[in-house]
Amino acid sequence: MVVQEFFHMGGYAFYVWTSYALTAVVLIFNVVQPLIRKRKSKRDLIMRLRRNLR
């Protein structure tokens, strides 16, 4: 098998590589989004605690 044939995917390269890219984007989003929410929640909680201690 030649590398060009592998990347061409028998004429379905656009569909296959687009599917891989979209899957990667969704997986990355599923990892990053909770981390961002956790950081924001921590920050909000700290601010709320600081306000209540005053």
N, C-alpha and C. Protein backbone atom coordinates (compact mmCIF):
# COMPACT_ATOMS: atom_id res chain seq x y z
N MET A 1 0.84 -1.18 0.00
CA MET A 1 0.00 0.00 0.00
C MET A 1 0.88 1.24 0.00
N VAL A 2 0.60 2.13 -0.87
CA VAL A 2 1.33 3.39 -0.96
C VAL A 2 0.67 4.40 -0.02
N VAL A 3 1.48 5.28 0.52
CA VAL A 3 0.98 6.25 1.49
C VAL A 3 -0.10 7.13 0.87
N GLN A 4 0.06 7.51 -0.38
CA GLN A 4 -0.95 8.35 -1.04
C GLN A 4 -2.28 7.63 -1.11
N GLU A 5 -2.26 6.34 -1.39
CA GLU A 5 -3.50 5.57 -1.43
C GLU A 5 -4.16 5.54 -0.06
N PHE A 6 -3.35 5.41 0.98
CA PHE A 6 -3.91 5.40 2.33
C PHE A 6 -4.61 6.71 2.63
N PHE A 7 -3.96 7.85 2.33
CA PHE A 7 -4.56 9.14 2.62
C PHE A 7 -5.71 9.48 1.69
N HIS A 8 -5.75 8.87 0.52
CA HIS A 8 -6.84 9.11 -0.43
C HIS A 8 -8.10 8.34 -0.01
N MET A 9 -7.94 7.24 0.68
CA MET A 9 -9.03 6.43 1.23
C MET A 9 -10.03 5.96 0.17
N GLY A 10 -9.53 5.60 -0.96
CA GLY A 10 -10.40 5.06 -2.00
C GLY A 10 -11.43 6.04 -2.50
N GLY A 11 -11.12 7.32 -2.49
CA GLY A 11 -12.04 8.33 -2.98
C GLY A 11 -12.92 8.93 -1.89
N TYR A 12 -12.84 8.41 -0.69
CA TYR A 12 -13.66 8.90 0.40
C TYR A 12 -12.85 9.72 1.41
N ALA A 13 -11.72 10.22 0.99
CA ALA A 13 -10.81 10.91 1.91
C ALA A 13 -11.45 12.11 2.58
N PHE A 14 -12.18 12.91 1.84
CA PHE A 14 -12.78 14.11 2.43
C PHE A 14 -13.73 13.72 3.56
N TYR A 15 -14.59 12.75 3.33
CA TYR A 15 -15.54 12.31 4.34
C TYR A 15 -14.82 11.71 5.55
N VAL A 16 -13.84 10.86 5.29
CA VAL A 16 -13.14 10.18 6.38
C VAL A 16 -12.35 11.17 7.23
N TRP A 17 -11.56 12.04 6.61
CA TRP A 17 -10.72 12.96 7.37
C TRP A 17 -11.56 14.03 8.06
N THR A 18 -12.67 14.41 7.45
CA THR A 18 -13.57 15.36 8.11
C THR A 18 -14.18 14.72 9.35
N SER A 19 -14.56 13.45 9.24
CA SER A 19 -15.12 12.74 10.39
C SER A 19 -14.10 12.63 11.51
N TYR A 20 -12.86 12.32 11.17
CA TYR A 20 -11.80 12.24 12.18
C TYR A 20 -11.61 13.61 12.86
N ALA A 21 -11.59 14.66 12.07
CA ALA A 21 -11.38 16.00 12.62
C ALA A 21 -12.52 16.40 13.55
N LEU A 22 -13.76 16.17 13.13
CA LEU A 22 -14.90 16.52 13.97
C LEU A 22 -14.91 15.71 15.26
N THR A 23 -14.56 14.44 15.17
CA THR A 23 -14.49 13.61 16.36
C THR A 23 -13.43 14.13 17.32
N ALA A 24 -12.28 14.51 16.79
CA ALA A 24 -11.21 15.06 17.64
C ALA A 24 -11.66 16.35 18.31
N VAL A 25 -12.34 17.21 17.58
CA VAL A 25 -12.83 18.47 18.15
C VAL A 25 -13.80 18.20 19.29
N VAL A 26 -14.73 17.27 19.09
CA VAL A 26 -15.71 16.95 20.13
C VAL A 26 -15.02 16.36 21.36
N LEU A 27 -14.08 15.46 21.17
CA LEU A 27 -13.37 14.86 22.29
C LEU A 27 -12.57 15.90 23.07
N ILE A 28 -11.90 16.78 22.37
CA ILE A 28 -11.14 17.83 23.04
C ILE A 28 -12.08 18.76 23.80
N PHE A 29 -13.21 19.11 23.19
CA PHE A 29 -14.20 19.95 23.86
C PHE A 29 -14.71 19.28 25.13
N ASN A 30 -14.94 17.97 25.07
CA ASN A 30 -15.44 17.24 26.24
C ASN A 30 -14.43 17.17 27.38
N VAL A 31 -13.18 17.36 27.09
CA VAL A 31 -12.15 17.39 28.13
C VAL A 31 -11.95 18.81 28.65
N VAL A 32 -11.93 19.78 27.76
CA VAL A 32 -11.61 21.15 28.14
C VAL A 32 -12.78 21.84 28.84
N GLN A 33 -13.98 21.65 28.39
CA GLN A 33 -15.14 22.35 28.94
C GLN A 33 -15.31 22.14 30.44
N PRO A 34 -15.26 20.90 30.94
CA PRO A 34 -15.39 20.73 32.40
C PRO A 34 -14.26 21.40 33.18
N LEU A 35 -13.07 21.42 32.63
CA LEU A 35 -11.96 22.08 33.31
C LEU A 35 -12.20 23.58 33.43
N ILE A 36 -12.72 24.17 32.37
CA ILE A 36 -13.03 25.60 32.39
C ILE A 36 -14.14 25.88 33.40
N ARG A 37 -15.19 25.04 33.39
CA ARG A 37 -16.29 25.23 34.33
C ARG A 37 -15.83 25.07 35.78
N LYS A 38 -14.94 24.12 36.02
CA LYS A 38 -14.43 23.90 37.38
C LYS A 38 -13.67 25.13 37.86
N ARG A 39 -12.82 25.67 37.00
CA ARG A 39 -12.04 26.85 37.36
C ARG A 39 -12.97 28.03 37.66
N LYS A 40 -13.99 28.22 36.82
CA LYS A 40 -14.93 29.31 37.03
C LYS A 40 -15.73 29.10 38.32
N SER A 41 -16.15 27.88 38.58
CA SER A 41 -16.91 27.60 39.80
C SER A 41 -16.06 27.86 41.04
N LYS A 42 -14.80 27.46 41.00
CA LYS A 42 -13.90 27.72 42.12
C LYS A 42 -13.75 29.21 42.37
N ARG A 43 -13.54 29.95 41.28
CA ARG A 43 -13.37 31.39 41.38
C ARG A 43 -14.63 32.04 41.96
N ASP A 44 -15.79 31.63 41.49
CA ASP A 44 -17.05 32.18 42.00
C ASP A 44 -17.24 31.84 43.48
N LEU A 45 -16.92 30.63 43.86
CA LEU A 45 -17.05 30.23 45.26
C LEU A 45 -16.12 31.03 46.16
N ILE A 46 -14.90 31.22 45.74
CA ILE A 46 -13.94 32.01 46.52
C ILE A 46 -14.43 33.45 46.67
N MET A 47 -14.94 34.03 45.60
CA MET A 47 -15.45 35.39 45.67
C MET A 47 -16.64 35.47 46.62
N ARG A 48 -17.54 34.48 46.56
CA ARG A 48 -18.70 34.47 47.43
C ARG A 48 -18.28 34.33 48.90
N LEU A 49 -17.31 33.47 49.17
CA LEU A 49 -16.82 33.29 50.54
C LEU A 49 -16.16 34.56 51.06
N ARG A 50 -15.39 35.23 50.22
CA ARG A 50 -14.74 36.48 50.63
C ARG A 50 -15.77 37.55 50.96
N ARG A 51 -16.84 37.62 50.15
CA ARG A 51 -17.89 38.61 50.42
C ARG A 51 -18.60 38.29 51.74
N ASN A 52 -18.82 37.03 52.03
CA ASN A 52 -19.53 36.64 53.25
C ASN A 52 -18.68 36.83 54.50
N LEU A 53 -17.37 36.80 54.36
CA LEU A 53 -16.50 36.96 55.53
C LEU A 53 -16.32 38.42 55.92
N ARG A 54 -16.69 39.32 55.07
CA ARG A 54 -16.52 40.75 55.36
C ARG A 54 -17.56 41.24 56.31
